[in-house]
Amino acid sequence: MSRQRSMETILNSEFVSIGELVRLTDSRYSTLKFYTEEGMLPFEQAEENLTRRYNREVTVARILLIKELKGRGLSIPQIKDALGMDQ
């Protein structure tokens, strides 16, 4: 298992891991994994080790928007619609 990167390094990185997104957004790993599997969080996958990489700025903004919409009481299908995703 690799050593955790410092918050300073994470904040200066273009791409982050799902574990680093947990730290940045105070979200649960299982929640972000669900959002990823539902297609709500875009990622790139490095072929050599199959690690998912998320664009830090875009993905953090998307997670914060999802949290806001959930706070308004929207369901996952409604959030997907608000995000412009085809169901």
Protein backbone atom coordinates (compact mmCIF):
# COMPACT_ATOMS: atom_id res chain seq x y z
CA MET A 1 0.00 0.00 0.00
CA SER A 2 1.33 3.42 -0.89
CA ARG A 3 1.94 6.21 1.58
CA GLN A 4 -0.69 8.95 1.83
CA ARG A 5 0.18 12.16 0.04
CA SER A 6 0.15 15.38 2.05
CA MET A 7 -2.85 17.68 1.75
CA GLU A 8 -0.56 20.29 0.18
CA THR A 9 0.48 17.82 -2.52
CA ILE A 10 -3.14 16.80 -3.12
CA LEU A 11 -4.26 20.43 -3.44
CA ASN A 12 -1.53 21.05 -6.01
CA SER A 13 -2.30 17.92 -8.06
CA GLU A 14 -4.38 17.92 -11.22
CA PHE A 15 -5.53 14.34 -10.58
CA VAL A 16 -6.43 12.65 -7.31
CA SER A 17 -7.55 9.22 -6.11
CA ILE A 18 -10.95 8.40 -4.66
CA GLY A 19 -9.33 8.20 -1.20
CA GLU A 20 -7.99 11.72 -1.65
CA LEU A 21 -11.46 12.90 -2.72
CA VAL A 22 -12.76 11.49 0.57
CA ARG A 23 -10.29 13.71 2.41
CA LEU A 24 -11.00 16.79 0.26
CA THR A 25 -14.80 16.63 0.47
CA ASP A 26 -15.41 14.94 3.84
CA SER A 27 -17.43 12.28 2.04
CA ARG A 28 -17.60 8.54 2.63
CA TYR A 29 -15.58 6.26 0.38
CA SER A 30 -18.65 4.09 -0.28
CA THR A 31 -20.66 7.15 -1.31
CA LEU A 32 -18.03 8.31 -3.82
CA LYS A 33 -17.67 4.76 -5.15
CA PHE A 34 -21.46 4.63 -5.66
CA TYR A 35 -21.44 8.00 -7.46
CA THR A 36 -18.60 6.74 -9.67
CA GLU A 37 -20.44 3.50 -10.50
CA GLU A 38 -23.58 5.51 -11.31
CA GLY A 39 -21.56 7.60 -13.77
CA MET A 40 -21.93 10.76 -11.71
CA LEU A 41 -18.17 11.27 -11.20
CA PRO A 42 -16.05 11.16 -14.36
CA PHE A 43 -12.60 9.61 -14.14
CA GLU A 44 -9.67 8.48 -16.24
CA GLN A 45 -8.23 5.02 -15.81
CA ALA A 46 -4.50 4.43 -16.11
CA GLU A 47 -4.04 1.19 -18.04
CA GLU A 48 -0.86 0.03 -16.33
CA ASN A 49 -2.41 -0.39 -12.88
CA LEU A 50 -6.12 0.22 -13.50
CA THR A 51 -6.15 3.08 -10.97
CA ARG A 52 -8.98 5.57 -11.39
CA ARG A 53 -7.80 9.17 -11.48
CA TYR A 54 -10.22 12.05 -10.95
CA ASN A 55 -9.63 15.62 -12.10
CA ARG A 56 -9.42 17.34 -8.71
CA GLU A 57 -11.11 20.67 -9.50
CA VAL A 58 -13.91 19.28 -11.67
CA THR A 59 -14.69 16.36 -9.39
CA VAL A 60 -14.63 18.29 -6.11
CA ALA A 61 -17.03 20.84 -7.64
CA ARG A 62 -19.29 17.99 -8.83
CA ILE A 63 -19.30 16.33 -5.39
CA LEU A 64 -20.18 19.64 -3.70
CA LEU A 65 -23.04 20.16 -6.17
CA ILE A 66 -24.33 16.62 -5.55
CA LYS A 67 -24.20 17.27 -1.78
CA GLU A 68 -26.14 20.51 -2.24
CA LEU A 69 -28.80 18.81 -4.38
CA LYS A 70 -29.10 15.95 -1.87
CA GLY A 71 -29.49 18.55 0.87
CA ARG A 72 -32.45 19.96 -1.06
CA GLY A 73 -34.05 16.51 -0.95
CA LEU A 74 -33.46 15.44 -4.55
CA SER A 75 -33.29 11.73 -5.33
CA ILE A 76 -30.38 10.15 -7.24
CA PRO A 77 -32.39 10.11 -10.53
CA GLN A 78 -33.30 13.79 -9.99
CA ILE A 79 -29.65 14.63 -9.28
CA LYS A 80 -28.56 12.81 -12.43
CA ASP A 81 -31.12 14.84 -14.36
CA ALA A 82 -29.84 18.06 -12.78
CA LEU A 83 -26.31 17.05 -13.79
CA GLY A 84 -27.50 16.62 -17.38
CA MET A 85 -27.03 12.86 -17.43
CA ASP A 86 -29.17 10.65 -19.65
CA GLN A 87 -31.00 8.06 -17.61
